[in-house]
Amino acid sequence: MKRAALLALVLLAATVAGGARADTFTVVPTPLVTPLAPDATATVAPLPYSQLLSLWQQAGAEYDVPWQVLAAINKIESNFGRNMGPSSAGAIGWMQFMPSTWMRWGVDANGDGIADPWNAADAIFSAARYLSAAGAPGNLHRAVFAYNHADWYVNEVLSLADLYQTDGSVAFSLDRMQQNLDGDRQAVVDAAARLQLLEAREARATLLSDRLALQPAVAHASNALADARRALAAAQQSSAAASFSPAGSDLLAGATYQDGYAFPVGGGPGVVSASHTHHDYPAVDIAAPLGSPVYALSNGTVIRSWTYDDPKCGIGLTMQTTDGQTWTYCHMAVLDQSVVPGAQLTAGQQVGLVGATGDASGPHLHLQLQPPTAWPQQEAWFQAFAGTAFTWSDAPTAGIKTPAVVVAADRSFVPSSGRVFTVVPQTPVVLFSRG
């Protein structure tokens, strides 16, 4: 902390010596200090909803940015401070700034002498300043696009902000629903994994005495899974109404529909991705967080289903859709109990949860036609969901957030896209250090 304070004084003195105006700050071409991840021993305490709401509203008023937009970005970027990175792209903190962007736009909003991306006040005010410079409130689409260069991201933020506009408490009621659903889904995944492990041990046991000894544990695990399923069903029922809006559906991992199809995995383009290719034969791997809901892609009939961990496919099912195509789902964590041979499925009906069973390097749904003679991701219905239900993981802009900016002669900020960032008033910036 002493080193950070000393550096702050040095940088502030350099800024004053350079003749910078009070409403601007000097861009350091090669930052002297790079924002680092918090120490392993450091923890960032969650904030109550009332305090977050106050920060969004204060920052919004300071920079003339709708507070609902700040709330939506806060939710999408860090889940209200629960996932503060670094992300796969290198973004950090409450509002997931790239380090180079933070060096230019970070502000010390709480007056402690450090512009800290892991401090909620600093991060939220910095995001408001950045959005204001990028065009808010006059052009919110451009401002949010500057924050993360993806149309799906802009749509998700503005849709969520519109939803928050209807009632300030919606942000928090939806968050509670999401946390309940995520917790109950994880409980089902854990209970199913425990039962599968015990059943596998029981099946391998060669002695009758060993099998008998395992039966109480198997029965207990089976009851635990049944309890977890009931809790998840209750959470799904209580959140059903909220999932009808597109923004609410993404947060709650509801099904996304289009032209008689449903995308097979819920969660939206912020967390679900797929590649244009597959590693060795026609198929698609749809990456999503463990426990994400899996849906029937169209109306059809279950041909086969299996709850044992197949060495290659893991837990899964094969269904024939009404257009005559046959699809196989693999690597699921658990199947819904209704998914049995002969069962009639409707598009968007939940059939299980994403897992990593079988030969899988991580959680995803493996989807393929039977026989695998065509690529699922080349079908028109699949491609139609790009940007609304998933993102292409191998797209040129995948994972890119806010490219670097340079200082123009008029002291505006010009990114590589040509969009001009207007300088907005602020207190002097202090580079951040955890050292």
Foldseek 3Di string as FASTA:
>chain_A
DVVQLVLQVVLVVVQVVVVDDQFAEDQDPDDPFFADDFDPPDDQDADDPVVLLVLLVVLCVVLVARSLLLLLLLCLPCNRPPRADPDPLRFGASNGDRRSVCSHQFADQVPPSFRHRNDSNRVSNSLSQQLSLQPPPNCNLRSQCLQFVANLRSVLSVLSSVVCVVDVCVSVVLSVLLVQLVVLLVQLLVLLVQLLVLVVVLVPDPDPVVNVVSVVVNVVSVVSNVVSVVSNVVSCVVCVVQLPRLNSVLSNQAWDDDDQFTPFWGNWASFWEWAPDDDPAAWIWIGGDWSTWTWDGHKWFWAAFDSHQDQAFTGWTWTAHPVGWIKIKGAFSGFDPQRHGGRIGHHRHTTGTWHHGHPGPGTTIIMATVVRPHHPCVDPVNVVCDSRGHHHCPDPSHSDGNARWDADPVRWTAGPVGRTGHRGGGGYHRHHDPD
